Structures are given as structure tokens and as C-alpha cells.
């Protein structure tokens, strides 16, 4: 079982990343948010799950343990396979997905391509009460926060000021995009991005 890869990103396409580890190139299918946080040449640690079916052997990868845990839990639901689980994690971050299950929000889950309302209701029925929100919420969990230490510093700074992890991560991502600030975030950009993200969050109160 391949549980984790640590190496260099060689290439990225629409649904997978090619990661060189130990002289071997591993193709890992990943959530869209994780892929958008990667770039060629980046050193990265990816938590993985190997799926073996009659048609193929597929490696799925995640930049956060929370994403991998959620990916595994989703597949405990009857009728939910790895493709739909990955689609869900490309649509909702782990903490938002866990919250949707806890709140019985089938509409939020049904936004994932390939799922549908009945599938969303089945996930809620079978997983509600079994997902530990404390393991997912309250800490940086998205790809952007895990991909570089600069972003992580800003997100943790916002969390220390009382903002939820997902709100902090969204604000940092938007601040970088709106101000043409490159990621991974350089150390000297941390104070600027923190100020921009904090201002955006305050405006949204």
C-alpha cells in the first residue's frame, strides 16, 4: 500500500499530478484545489490512497491528511466509489463537506458532479454522526495552506485572531489572486497578505 509520497512535482494536468519520488514517477489523481496549489519543480508531500479495480490501478493523492481521511470515509457509503469521493473533495473542502453532512445539507453535497440528490442524502444518512468535526475544523486544511509555509503562516495568524480556518484560507487565496501575488507565498509577502486578508474579512462581517 502506498500511503504517502514525498518528492518533486514533474507535471500537472487537469485531474492529476506526476510526482517523482525515489526515482519513480507516480501519477496521482487529486482534488482540483490541491492541483491548483502545485507547480512544476515544487517539493511536496502527498498523502495517498491506492485503488485497485478490474479496469485500473489508480493512485489518489491529497495535500492534507484531513482530505485523505474524508476520502476514505466517503467510500464507506454504499454506492460511493473513489471517483465520486474525489469529485466531492473537488467541490467542497474537508471541513465544509463534514459540516454539510453534520447539518444534513444535501443541496451542498449534490453540487458535486456525478453525485445527485439521492446520493447526497445517502451520504448524510450513513455518515451523519460518524465524522469527528474536531479532527477537521479549526486547523488549516486546504491545499493552499499545506502547499507553502508563507500561506500557512498567514492562515494560522488569522485563525489566532478568531477566524475559522476555511474563511481564513479563502481570504488568503482571494487576496493573492486580486493583488497578483504569486504563490507559494514568499516570506516578505506574509505581512502584506495578512493585512489584505484581514481587511477583506473585516469588510465581510
N, C-alpha and C. Protein backbone atom coordinates (compact mmCIF):
# COMPACT_ATOMS: atom_id res chain seq x y z
N UNK A 1 0.84 -1.20 0.00
CA UNK A 1 0.00 0.00 0.00
C UNK A 1 0.88 1.24 0.00
N UNK A 2 0.62 2.14 -0.95
CA UNK A 2 1.36 3.40 -0.99
C UNK A 2 0.57 4.43 -0.20
N UNK A 3 1.07 4.79 0.99
CA UNK A 3 0.33 5.71 1.86
C UNK A 3 0.76 7.15 1.76
N UNK A 4 1.97 7.40 1.25
CA UNK A 4 2.45 8.78 1.16
C UNK A 4 3.59 8.85 0.16
N UNK A 5 3.67 9.96 -0.54
CA UNK A 5 4.79 10.24 -1.44
C UNK A 5 5.45 11.54 -1.01
N UNK A 6 6.76 11.59 -1.10
CA UNK A 6 7.47 12.84 -0.85
C UNK A 6 8.50 13.00 -1.97
N UNK A 7 8.32 14.04 -2.76
CA UNK A 7 9.22 14.21 -3.89
C UNK A 7 8.96 15.49 -4.64
N UNK A 8 9.27 15.50 -5.93
CA UNK A 8 9.20 16.71 -6.76
C UNK A 8 8.06 16.59 -7.78
N UNK A 9 7.32 17.66 -7.93
CA UNK A 9 6.25 17.70 -8.93
C UNK A 9 6.89 17.86 -10.31
N UNK A 10 6.63 16.90 -11.19
CA UNK A 10 7.18 16.94 -12.54
C UNK A 10 6.22 17.60 -13.52
N UNK A 11 4.94 17.33 -13.37
CA UNK A 11 3.95 17.88 -14.30
C UNK A 11 2.58 17.84 -13.64
N UNK A 12 1.68 18.71 -14.15
CA UNK A 12 0.31 18.79 -13.63
C UNK A 12 -0.63 18.88 -14.82
N UNK A 13 -1.71 18.10 -14.78
CA UNK A 13 -2.74 18.28 -15.80
C UNK A 13 -4.08 18.54 -15.11
N UNK A 14 -5.18 18.39 -15.83
CA UNK A 14 -6.47 18.81 -15.30
C UNK A 14 -6.95 18.00 -14.10
N UNK A 15 -6.52 16.75 -13.97
CA UNK A 15 -7.02 15.95 -12.85
C UNK A 15 -5.95 15.17 -12.11
N UNK A 16 -4.69 15.33 -12.47
CA UNK A 16 -3.64 14.55 -11.81
C UNK A 16 -2.31 15.29 -11.82
N UNK A 17 -1.44 14.87 -10.92
CA UNK A 17 -0.07 15.41 -10.86
C UNK A 17 0.90 14.24 -10.98
N UNK A 18 2.00 14.47 -11.67
CA UNK A 18 3.07 13.49 -11.79
C UNK A 18 4.16 13.86 -10.80
N UNK A 19 4.39 12.96 -9.84
CA UNK A 19 5.33 13.24 -8.76
C UNK A 19 6.48 12.25 -8.80
N UNK A 20 7.70 12.79 -8.86
CA UNK A 20 8.90 11.95 -8.88
C UNK A 20 9.34 11.71 -7.44
N UNK A 21 9.33 10.44 -7.04
CA UNK A 21 9.75 10.06 -5.69
C UNK A 21 10.58 8.80 -5.76
N UNK A 22 11.79 8.85 -5.25
CA UNK A 22 12.66 7.68 -5.27
C UNK A 22 13.00 7.20 -6.66
N UNK A 23 13.07 8.13 -7.61
CA UNK A 23 13.41 7.77 -8.98
C UNK A 23 12.25 7.21 -9.79
N UNK A 24 11.05 7.21 -9.22
CA UNK A 24 9.86 6.70 -9.90
C UNK A 24 8.84 7.82 -10.04
N UNK A 25 8.22 7.93 -11.22
CA UNK A 25 7.19 8.94 -11.42
C UNK A 25 5.82 8.36 -11.10
N UNK A 26 5.16 8.89 -10.09
CA UNK A 26 3.83 8.44 -9.68
C UNK A 26 2.79 9.43 -10.17
N UNK A 27 1.77 8.93 -10.87
CA UNK A 27 0.67 9.79 -11.29
C UNK A 27 -0.43 9.68 -10.25
N UNK A 28 -0.75 10.80 -9.61
CA UNK A 28 -1.76 10.81 -8.56
C UNK A 28 -2.93 11.70 -8.95
N UNK A 29 -4.13 11.15 -8.94
CA UNK A 29 -5.32 11.95 -9.17
C UNK A 29 -5.62 12.70 -7.88
N UNK A 30 -5.91 14.01 -8.01
CA UNK A 30 -6.03 14.85 -6.82
C UNK A 30 -7.22 15.80 -6.95
N UNK A 31 -7.74 16.30 -5.81
CA UNK A 31 -8.80 17.31 -5.86
C UNK A 31 -8.31 18.56 -6.59
N UNK A 32 -9.23 19.28 -7.20
CA UNK A 32 -8.85 20.44 -8.00
C UNK A 32 -8.13 21.51 -7.19
N UNK A 33 -8.54 21.72 -5.94
CA UNK A 33 -7.88 22.73 -5.11
C UNK A 33 -6.42 22.36 -4.84
N UNK A 34 -6.16 21.07 -4.64
CA UNK A 34 -4.79 20.61 -4.41
C UNK A 34 -3.94 20.83 -5.66
N UNK A 35 -4.49 20.49 -6.82
CA UNK A 35 -3.75 20.66 -8.07
C UNK A 35 -3.44 22.12 -8.33
N UNK A 36 -4.37 23.01 -8.02
CA UNK A 36 -4.15 24.43 -8.27
C UNK A 36 -3.08 25.02 -7.38
N UNK A 37 -2.77 24.34 -6.27
CA UNK A 37 -1.75 24.82 -5.35
C UNK A 37 -0.35 24.32 -5.70
N UNK A 38 -0.26 23.44 -6.70
CA UNK A 38 1.04 22.87 -7.07
C UNK A 38 1.62 23.56 -8.30
N UNK A 39 2.94 23.43 -8.44
CA UNK A 39 3.60 23.89 -9.66
C UNK A 39 4.80 22.99 -9.94
N UNK A 40 5.17 22.88 -11.18
CA UNK A 40 6.29 22.02 -11.57
C UNK A 40 7.56 22.44 -10.86
N UNK A 41 8.31 21.45 -10.36
CA UNK A 41 9.55 21.71 -9.66
C UNK A 41 9.39 21.84 -8.16
N UNK A 42 8.16 21.88 -7.68
CA UNK A 42 7.89 22.04 -6.25
C UNK A 42 8.15 20.74 -5.50
N UNK A 43 8.79 20.84 -4.34
CA UNK A 43 8.96 19.70 -3.45
C UNK A 43 7.69 19.57 -2.62
N UNK A 44 7.12 18.39 -2.57
CA UNK A 44 5.80 18.25 -1.96
C UNK A 44 5.66 16.92 -1.24
N UNK A 45 4.79 16.90 -0.24
CA UNK A 45 4.42 15.67 0.46
C UNK A 45 2.95 15.42 0.16
N UNK A 46 2.64 14.25 -0.36
CA UNK A 46 1.27 13.92 -0.76
C UNK A 46 0.82 12.65 -0.04
N UNK A 47 -0.31 12.72 0.64
CA UNK A 47 -0.90 11.56 1.30
C UNK A 47 -1.73 10.81 0.26
N UNK A 48 -1.52 9.51 0.14
CA UNK A 48 -2.09 8.78 -0.99
C UNK A 48 -2.96 7.60 -0.57
N UNK A 49 -3.82 7.19 -1.51
CA UNK A 49 -4.66 6.01 -1.35
C UNK A 49 -4.66 5.27 -2.68
N UNK A 50 -4.31 4.01 -2.66
CA UNK A 50 -4.24 3.21 -3.87
C UNK A 50 -5.54 2.44 -4.07
N UNK A 51 -6.16 2.60 -5.23
CA UNK A 51 -7.40 1.90 -5.52
C UNK A 51 -7.17 0.89 -6.65
N UNK A 52 -7.53 -0.35 -6.41
CA UNK A 52 -7.38 -1.42 -7.40
C UNK A 52 -8.76 -1.90 -7.82
N UNK A 53 -9.06 -1.79 -9.11
CA UNK A 53 -10.34 -2.26 -9.63
C UNK A 53 -10.08 -3.22 -10.80
N UNK A 54 -11.13 -3.75 -11.38
CA UNK A 54 -10.98 -4.66 -12.51
C UNK A 54 -10.38 -3.96 -13.72
N UNK A 55 -10.64 -2.66 -13.83
CA UNK A 55 -10.22 -1.92 -15.02
C UNK A 55 -8.88 -1.21 -14.87
N UNK A 56 -8.52 -0.83 -13.64
CA UNK A 56 -7.32 0.00 -13.49
C UNK A 56 -6.81 -0.01 -12.06
N UNK A 57 -5.56 0.40 -11.93
CA UNK A 57 -4.95 0.67 -10.63
C UNK A 57 -4.72 2.17 -10.58
N UNK A 58 -5.35 2.85 -9.64
CA UNK A 58 -5.33 4.31 -9.60
C UNK A 58 -4.82 4.80 -8.25
N UNK A 59 -3.91 5.76 -8.29
CA UNK A 59 -3.39 6.37 -7.07
C UNK A 59 -4.06 7.73 -6.89
N UNK A 60 -4.65 7.93 -5.72
CA UNK A 60 -5.28 9.20 -5.39
C UNK A 60 -4.41 9.92 -4.36
N UNK A 61 -4.26 11.23 -4.51
CA UNK A 61 -3.38 11.97 -3.62
C UNK A 61 -4.02 13.22 -3.04
N UNK A 62 -3.53 13.62 -1.86
CA UNK A 62 -4.08 14.75 -1.13
C UNK A 62 -2.96 15.49 -0.40
N UNK A 63 -3.05 16.81 -0.35
CA UNK A 63 -2.04 17.59 0.34
C UNK A 63 -2.27 17.65 1.84
N UNK A 64 -3.46 17.23 2.30
CA UNK A 64 -3.76 17.25 3.73
C UNK A 64 -4.31 15.90 4.17
N UNK A 65 -3.94 15.50 5.37
CA UNK A 65 -4.44 14.25 5.93
C UNK A 65 -5.95 14.28 6.07
N UNK A 66 -6.50 15.47 6.38
CA UNK A 66 -7.96 15.59 6.54
C UNK A 66 -8.67 15.21 5.26
N UNK A 67 -8.11 15.59 4.12
CA UNK A 67 -8.73 15.25 2.84
C UNK A 67 -8.70 13.74 2.60
N UNK A 68 -7.57 13.12 2.92
CA UNK A 68 -7.47 11.68 2.74
C UNK A 68 -8.44 10.95 3.67
N UNK A 69 -8.54 11.39 4.92
CA UNK A 69 -9.46 10.75 5.86
C UNK A 69 -10.90 10.85 5.35
N UNK A 70 -11.26 12.04 4.84
CA UNK A 70 -12.61 12.22 4.32
C UNK A 70 -12.84 11.35 3.09
N UNK A 71 -11.84 11.27 2.23
CA UNK A 71 -11.90 10.44 1.03
C UNK A 71 -12.20 8.98 1.40
N UNK A 72 -11.53 8.48 2.42
CA UNK A 72 -11.72 7.10 2.85
C UNK A 72 -13.10 6.91 3.49
N UNK A 73 -13.55 7.90 4.28
CA UNK A 73 -14.85 7.78 4.92
C UNK A 73 -15.99 7.78 3.91
N UNK A 74 -15.87 8.62 2.89
CA UNK A 74 -16.93 8.71 1.89
C UNK A 74 -17.15 7.37 1.19
N UNK A 75 -16.07 6.62 1.01
CA UNK A 75 -16.18 5.35 0.30
C UNK A 75 -16.80 4.24 1.15
N UNK A 76 -17.03 4.53 2.43
CA UNK A 76 -17.73 3.57 3.28
C UNK A 76 -19.22 3.58 2.99
N UNK A 77 -19.66 4.64 2.30
CA UNK A 77 -21.08 4.74 1.95
C UNK A 77 -21.36 3.84 0.75
N UNK A 78 -22.39 3.03 0.83
CA UNK A 78 -22.71 2.12 -0.26
C UNK A 78 -23.00 2.89 -1.55
N UNK A 79 -22.35 2.48 -2.62
CA UNK A 79 -22.56 3.14 -3.91
C UNK A 79 -21.64 4.31 -4.18
N UNK A 80 -20.82 4.70 -3.21
CA UNK A 80 -19.89 5.81 -3.39
C UNK A 80 -18.49 5.26 -3.61
N UNK A 81 -17.96 5.46 -4.81
CA UNK A 81 -16.62 4.99 -5.13
C UNK A 81 -15.61 6.11 -5.10
N UNK A 82 -14.36 5.83 -5.43
CA UNK A 82 -13.31 6.85 -5.35
C UNK A 82 -13.52 8.04 -6.28
N UNK A 83 -14.11 7.81 -7.45
CA UNK A 83 -14.32 8.93 -8.39
C UNK A 83 -15.29 9.95 -7.83
N UNK A 84 -16.39 9.47 -7.25
CA UNK A 84 -17.37 10.39 -6.66
C UNK A 84 -16.80 11.05 -5.41
N UNK A 85 -16.06 10.28 -4.61
CA UNK A 85 -15.43 10.84 -3.41
C UNK A 85 -14.48 11.98 -3.78
N UNK A 86 -13.70 11.77 -4.85
CA UNK A 86 -12.78 12.81 -5.31
C UNK A 86 -13.55 14.02 -5.84
N UNK A 87 -14.65 13.76 -6.54
CA UNK A 87 -15.49 14.85 -7.04
C UNK A 87 -16.02 15.70 -5.90
N UNK A 88 -16.42 15.05 -4.82
CA UNK A 88 -16.91 15.78 -3.64
C UNK A 88 -15.82 16.66 -3.05
N UNK A 89 -14.59 16.13 -2.96
CA UNK A 89 -13.48 16.88 -2.38
C UNK A 89 -12.97 17.96 -3.33
N UNK A 90 -13.33 17.87 -4.61
CA UNK A 90 -13.01 18.94 -5.55
C UNK A 90 -14.05 20.05 -5.49
N UNK A 91 -15.21 19.72 -4.93
CA UNK A 91 -16.31 20.68 -4.83
C UNK A 91 -16.34 21.37 -3.48
N UNK A 92 -16.08 20.61 -2.42
CA UNK A 92 -16.10 21.14 -1.05
C UNK A 92 -14.82 20.76 -0.33
N UNK A 93 -14.28 21.69 0.47
CA UNK A 93 -13.12 21.37 1.30
C UNK A 93 -13.55 20.38 2.38
N UNK A 94 -12.61 19.66 3.01
CA UNK A 94 -12.99 18.66 4.02
C UNK A 94 -13.87 19.21 5.14
N UNK A 95 -13.56 20.41 5.64
CA UNK A 95 -14.36 20.93 6.74
C UNK A 95 -15.76 21.33 6.29
N UNK A 96 -15.88 21.90 5.08
CA UNK A 96 -17.22 22.25 4.57
C UNK A 96 -18.02 20.99 4.26
N UNK A 97 -17.36 19.97 3.78
CA UNK A 97 -18.03 18.71 3.48
C UNK A 97 -18.53 18.07 4.78
N UNK A 98 -17.67 18.07 5.79
CA UNK A 98 -18.05 17.50 7.09
C UNK A 98 -19.21 18.27 7.69
N UNK A 99 -19.17 19.59 7.56
CA UNK A 99 -20.25 20.41 8.10
C UNK A 99 -21.55 20.16 7.35
N UNK A 100 -21.48 19.99 6.03
CA UNK A 100 -22.68 19.72 5.24
C UNK A 100 -23.32 18.40 5.68
N UNK A 101 -22.49 17.39 5.95
CA UNK A 101 -23.00 16.10 6.43
C UNK A 101 -23.64 16.28 7.80
N UNK A 102 -22.95 16.99 8.69
CA UNK A 102 -23.45 17.19 10.06
C UNK A 102 -24.76 17.97 10.06
N UNK A 103 -24.88 18.93 9.14
CA UNK A 103 -26.09 19.77 9.08
C UNK A 103 -27.19 19.17 8.21
N UNK A 104 -26.91 18.04 7.55
CA UNK A 104 -27.90 17.44 6.68
C UNK A 104 -28.16 18.25 5.42
N UNK A 105 -27.13 18.95 4.96
CA UNK A 105 -27.26 19.84 3.81
C UNK A 105 -27.02 19.07 2.50
N UNK A 106 -28.05 18.37 2.03
CA UNK A 106 -27.92 17.56 0.82
C UNK A 106 -27.67 18.42 -0.41
N UNK A 107 -28.22 19.63 -0.43
CA UNK A 107 -28.05 20.51 -1.59
C UNK A 107 -26.59 20.86 -1.82
N UNK A 108 -25.85 21.08 -0.72
CA UNK A 108 -24.42 21.41 -0.85
C UNK A 108 -23.64 20.23 -1.40
N UNK A 109 -23.95 19.03 -0.93
CA UNK A 109 -23.25 17.83 -1.40
C UNK A 109 -23.61 17.53 -2.86
N UNK A 110 -24.85 17.77 -3.23
CA UNK A 110 -25.33 17.42 -4.56
C UNK A 110 -24.70 18.27 -5.66
N UNK A 111 -23.99 19.33 -5.29
CA UNK A 111 -23.30 20.16 -6.28
C UNK A 111 -22.13 19.42 -6.93
N UNK A 112 -21.67 18.35 -6.29
CA UNK A 112 -20.54 17.59 -6.82
C UNK A 112 -20.96 16.84 -8.07
N UNK A 113 -20.23 16.99 -9.17
CA UNK A 113 -20.55 16.25 -10.40
C UNK A 113 -20.55 14.74 -10.17
N UNK A 114 -21.57 14.06 -10.69
CA UNK A 114 -21.62 12.61 -10.58
C UNK A 114 -22.31 12.08 -9.35
N UNK A 115 -22.80 12.98 -8.47
CA UNK A 115 -23.41 12.51 -7.23
C UNK A 115 -24.94 12.51 -7.30
N UNK A 116 -25.55 13.68 -7.36
CA UNK A 116 -27.01 13.76 -7.39
C UNK A 116 -27.59 13.83 -5.99
N UNK A 117 -28.87 14.21 -5.93
CA UNK A 117 -29.52 14.43 -4.64
C UNK A 117 -29.68 13.14 -3.84
N UNK A 118 -30.03 12.04 -4.51
CA UNK A 118 -30.21 10.78 -3.78
C UNK A 118 -28.90 10.30 -3.17
N UNK A 119 -27.81 10.44 -3.94
CA UNK A 119 -26.50 10.07 -3.41
C UNK A 119 -26.11 10.93 -2.23
N UNK A 120 -26.43 12.23 -2.31
CA UNK A 120 -26.12 13.15 -1.22
C UNK A 120 -26.89 12.76 0.04
N UNK A 121 -28.15 12.42 -0.11
CA UNK A 121 -28.96 12.01 1.03
C UNK A 121 -28.45 10.70 1.64
N UNK A 122 -27.95 9.80 0.80
CA UNK A 122 -27.41 8.54 1.30
C UNK A 122 -26.14 8.79 2.13
N UNK A 123 -25.29 9.72 1.66
CA UNK A 123 -24.07 10.06 2.40
C UNK A 123 -24.44 10.59 3.78
N UNK A 124 -25.41 11.49 3.82
CA UNK A 124 -25.83 12.07 5.10
C UNK A 124 -26.38 10.99 6.02
N UNK A 125 -27.22 10.13 5.47
CA UNK A 125 -27.84 9.06 6.26
C UNK A 125 -26.80 8.12 6.87
N UNK A 126 -25.78 7.77 6.07
CA UNK A 126 -24.82 6.77 6.53
C UNK A 126 -23.63 7.34 7.30
N UNK A 127 -23.33 8.63 7.10
CA UNK A 127 -22.15 9.20 7.76
C UNK A 127 -22.46 10.17 8.89
N UNK A 128 -23.68 10.68 8.93
CA UNK A 128 -24.00 11.67 9.96
C UNK A 128 -23.78 11.07 11.35
N UNK A 129 -23.02 11.79 12.14
CA UNK A 129 -22.70 11.31 13.49
C UNK A 129 -21.41 10.54 13.57
N UNK A 130 -20.86 10.14 12.42
CA UNK A 130 -19.62 9.34 12.43
C UNK A 130 -18.39 10.18 12.07
N UNK A 131 -18.60 11.42 11.61
CA UNK A 131 -17.48 12.28 11.25
C UNK A 131 -17.14 13.18 12.43
N UNK A 132 -15.91 13.10 12.88
CA UNK A 132 -15.44 13.91 14.01
C UNK A 132 -15.01 15.27 13.48
N UNK A 133 -15.84 16.29 13.69
CA UNK A 133 -15.55 17.63 13.17
C UNK A 133 -14.29 18.22 13.80
N UNK A 134 -13.98 17.83 15.03
CA UNK A 134 -12.80 18.40 15.69
C UNK A 134 -11.51 17.96 15.01
N UNK A 135 -11.57 16.85 14.26
CA UNK A 135 -10.40 16.37 13.54
C UNK A 135 -10.19 17.13 12.23
N UNK A 136 -11.22 17.87 11.82
CA UNK A 136 -11.17 18.52 10.52
C UNK A 136 -11.20 20.03 10.63
N UNK A 137 -12.09 20.56 11.47
CA UNK A 137 -12.21 22.01 11.59
C UNK A 137 -11.19 22.57 12.58
N UNK A 138 -10.98 23.87 12.49
CA UNK A 138 -10.11 24.55 13.44
C UNK A 138 -8.64 24.49 13.11
N UNK A 139 -8.28 23.93 11.95
CA UNK A 139 -6.89 23.89 11.55
C UNK A 139 -6.83 24.04 10.03
N UNK A 140 -5.75 24.60 9.49
CA UNK A 140 -5.66 24.75 8.05
C UNK A 140 -5.79 23.39 7.37
N UNK A 141 -6.65 23.31 6.34
CA UNK A 141 -6.88 22.01 5.73
C UNK A 141 -6.83 22.01 4.22
N UNK A 142 -6.90 23.15 3.59
CA UNK A 142 -6.92 23.13 2.14
C UNK A 142 -5.52 23.09 1.57
N UNK A 143 -5.46 22.86 0.30
CA UNK A 143 -4.19 22.71 -0.38
C UNK A 143 -3.32 23.94 -0.25
N UNK A 144 -3.92 25.12 -0.37
CA UNK A 144 -3.13 26.35 -0.33
C UNK A 144 -2.38 26.48 0.98
N UNK A 145 -3.03 26.10 2.09
CA UNK A 145 -2.39 26.23 3.38
C UNK A 145 -1.28 25.22 3.56
N UNK A 146 -1.42 24.04 2.92
CA UNK A 146 -0.42 23.00 3.09
C UNK A 146 0.74 23.12 2.10
N UNK A 147 0.52 23.83 1.02
CA UNK A 147 1.49 23.81 -0.06
C UNK A 147 2.71 24.66 0.20
N UNK A 148 2.61 25.73 1.02
CA UNK A 148 3.78 26.57 1.28
C UNK A 148 3.68 27.19 2.67
N UNK A 149 4.83 27.40 3.28
CA UNK A 149 4.86 27.86 4.66
C UNK A 149 4.39 29.31 4.80
N UNK A 150 4.57 30.13 3.76
CA UNK A 150 4.13 31.52 3.83
C UNK A 150 2.62 31.61 3.98
N UNK A 151 1.91 30.88 3.14
CA UNK A 151 0.45 30.85 3.23
C UNK A 151 0.02 30.30 4.58
N UNK A 152 0.68 29.24 5.03
CA UNK A 152 0.35 28.63 6.32
C UNK A 152 0.50 29.64 7.45
N UNK A 153 1.54 30.46 7.41
CA UNK A 153 1.76 31.47 8.44
C UNK A 153 0.61 32.47 8.48
N UNK A 154 0.17 32.91 7.30
CA UNK A 154 -0.92 33.89 7.24
C UNK A 154 -2.21 33.27 7.77
N UNK A 155 -2.51 32.05 7.31
CA UNK A 155 -3.74 31.38 7.74
C UNK A 155 -3.74 31.17 9.26
N UNK A 156 -2.63 30.70 9.80
CA UNK A 156 -2.56 30.47 11.24
C UNK A 156 -2.68 31.78 12.01
N UNK A 157 -2.14 32.88 11.43
CA UNK A 157 -2.27 34.19 12.06
C UNK A 157 -3.73 34.62 12.14
N UNK A 158 -4.47 34.39 11.07
CA UNK A 158 -5.89 34.74 11.05
C UNK A 158 -6.70 33.86 12.01
N UNK A 159 -6.35 32.58 12.06
CA UNK A 159 -7.04 31.67 13.00
C UNK A 159 -6.81 32.13 14.44
N UNK A 160 -5.60 32.58 14.73
CA UNK A 160 -5.28 33.04 16.09
C UNK A 160 -6.08 34.29 16.47
N UNK A 161 -6.55 35.00 15.43
CA UNK A 161 -7.38 36.19 15.67
C UNK A 161 -8.86 35.85 15.75
N UNK A 162 -9.18 34.55 15.63
CA UNK A 162 -10.56 34.12 15.82
C UNK A 162 -11.32 33.74 14.58
N UNK A 163 -10.67 33.77 13.42
CA UNK A 163 -11.36 33.41 12.18
C UNK A 163 -11.34 31.90 11.97
N UNK A 164 -12.39 31.36 11.35
CA UNK A 164 -12.42 29.94 11.01
C UNK A 164 -11.39 29.63 9.95
N UNK A 165 -10.87 28.40 9.98
CA UNK A 165 -9.81 28.01 9.06
C UNK A 165 -10.21 28.21 7.60
N UNK A 166 -11.42 27.74 7.24
CA UNK A 166 -11.83 27.82 5.85
C UNK A 166 -12.00 29.27 5.40
N UNK A 167 -12.57 30.13 6.27
CA UNK A 167 -12.72 31.55 5.94
C UNK A 167 -11.35 32.20 5.76
N UNK A 168 -10.41 31.83 6.63
CA UNK A 168 -9.06 32.39 6.54
C UNK A 168 -8.38 31.98 5.23
N UNK A 169 -8.50 30.70 4.89
CA UNK A 169 -7.87 30.20 3.67
C UNK A 169 -8.48 30.85 2.42
N UNK A 170 -9.81 31.01 2.42
CA UNK A 170 -10.48 31.66 1.29
C UNK A 170 -10.01 33.10 1.14
N UNK A 171 -9.87 33.80 2.27
CA UNK A 171 -9.45 35.21 2.24
C UNK A 171 -8.01 35.36 1.73
N UNK A 172 -7.14 34.44 2.15
CA UNK A 172 -5.74 34.49 1.69
C UNK A 172 -5.65 34.22 0.20
N UNK A 173 -6.39 33.20 -0.26
CA UNK A 173 -6.39 32.87 -1.68
C UNK A 173 -6.90 34.04 -2.52
N UNK A 174 -7.98 34.70 -2.05
CA UNK A 174 -8.56 35.82 -2.79
C UNK A 174 -7.61 37.03 -2.77
N UNK A 175 -6.97 37.26 -1.63
CA UNK A 175 -6.04 38.39 -1.52
C UNK A 175 -4.88 38.24 -2.50
N UNK A 176 -4.38 37.03 -2.63
CA UNK A 176 -3.28 36.77 -3.56
C UNK A 176 -3.73 36.93 -5.01
N UNK A 177 -4.93 36.40 -5.31
CA UNK A 177 -5.44 36.48 -6.67
C UNK A 177 -5.75 37.91 -7.08
N UNK A 178 -6.38 38.67 -6.19
CA UNK A 178 -6.79 40.03 -6.51
C UNK A 178 -5.62 41.00 -6.63
N UNK A 179 -4.51 40.67 -5.98
CA UNK A 179 -3.37 41.58 -5.97
C UNK A 179 -2.15 41.04 -6.72
N UNK A 180 -2.38 40.00 -7.53
CA UNK A 180 -1.32 39.40 -8.35
C UNK A 180 -0.09 39.01 -7.53
N UNK A 181 -0.35 38.41 -6.38
CA UNK A 181 0.73 37.95 -5.50
C UNK A 181 0.97 36.47 -5.77
N UNK A 182 2.17 36.12 -6.14
CA UNK A 182 2.49 34.74 -6.54
C UNK A 182 2.49 33.80 -5.34
N UNK A 183 2.07 32.57 -5.59
CA UNK A 183 2.18 31.51 -4.60
C UNK A 183 3.01 30.38 -5.19
N UNK A 184 3.76 29.62 -4.39
CA UNK A 184 3.90 29.71 -2.94
C UNK A 184 4.34 31.10 -2.48
N UNK A 185 3.83 31.50 -1.33
CA UNK A 185 4.00 32.85 -0.84
C UNK A 185 5.40 33.07 -0.27
N UNK A 186 6.07 34.11 -0.78
CA UNK A 186 7.40 34.45 -0.28
C UNK A 186 7.30 35.03 1.13
N UNK A 187 8.34 34.81 1.92
CA UNK A 187 8.31 35.25 3.31
C UNK A 187 8.08 36.74 3.48
N UNK A 188 8.65 37.56 2.57
CA UNK A 188 8.50 39.00 2.72
C UNK A 188 7.11 39.50 2.32
N UNK A 189 6.30 38.60 1.74
CA UNK A 189 4.94 38.97 1.37
C UNK A 189 3.93 38.64 2.48
N UNK A 190 4.36 37.90 3.49
CA UNK A 190 3.45 37.45 4.54
C UNK A 190 2.74 38.61 5.23
N UNK A 191 3.44 39.66 5.71
CA UNK A 191 2.75 40.76 6.39
C UNK A 191 1.73 41.45 5.48
N UNK A 192 2.09 41.64 4.21
CA UNK A 192 1.18 42.31 3.28
C UNK A 192 -0.09 41.49 3.05
N UNK A 193 0.07 40.18 2.82
CA UNK A 193 -1.09 39.33 2.57
C UNK A 193 -1.95 39.22 3.83
N UNK A 194 -1.33 39.16 4.99
CA UNK A 194 -2.08 39.11 6.24
C UNK A 194 -2.95 40.36 6.38
N UNK A 195 -2.38 41.52 6.06
CA UNK A 195 -3.13 42.78 6.16
C UNK A 195 -4.28 42.80 5.16
N UNK A 196 -4.03 42.37 3.92
CA UNK A 196 -5.07 42.36 2.90
C UNK A 196 -6.20 41.38 3.24
N UNK A 197 -5.83 40.20 3.69
CA UNK A 197 -6.83 39.19 4.03
C UNK A 197 -7.67 39.63 5.23
N UNK A 198 -7.01 40.22 6.21
CA UNK A 198 -7.72 40.68 7.40
C UNK A 198 -8.71 41.79 7.05
N UNK A 199 -8.28 42.69 6.17
CA UNK A 199 -9.17 43.78 5.74
C UNK A 199 -10.40 43.22 5.02
N UNK A 200 -10.17 42.22 4.16
CA UNK A 200 -11.27 41.61 3.42
C UNK A 200 -12.25 40.90 4.37
N UNK A 201 -11.72 40.19 5.36
CA UNK A 201 -12.57 39.51 6.31
C UNK A 201 -13.38 40.49 7.15
N UNK A 202 -12.75 41.59 7.54
CA UNK A 202 -13.45 42.62 8.33
C UNK A 202 -14.59 43.24 7.52
N UNK A 203 -14.35 43.45 6.21
CA UNK A 203 -15.39 44.03 5.36
C UNK A 203 -16.57 43.08 5.21
N UNK A 204 -16.28 41.79 5.30
CA UNK A 204 -17.34 40.80 5.11
C UNK A 204 -18.13 40.46 6.36
N UNK A 205 -17.81 41.08 7.48
CA UNK A 205 -18.53 40.79 8.72
C UNK A 205 -20.03 41.09 8.57
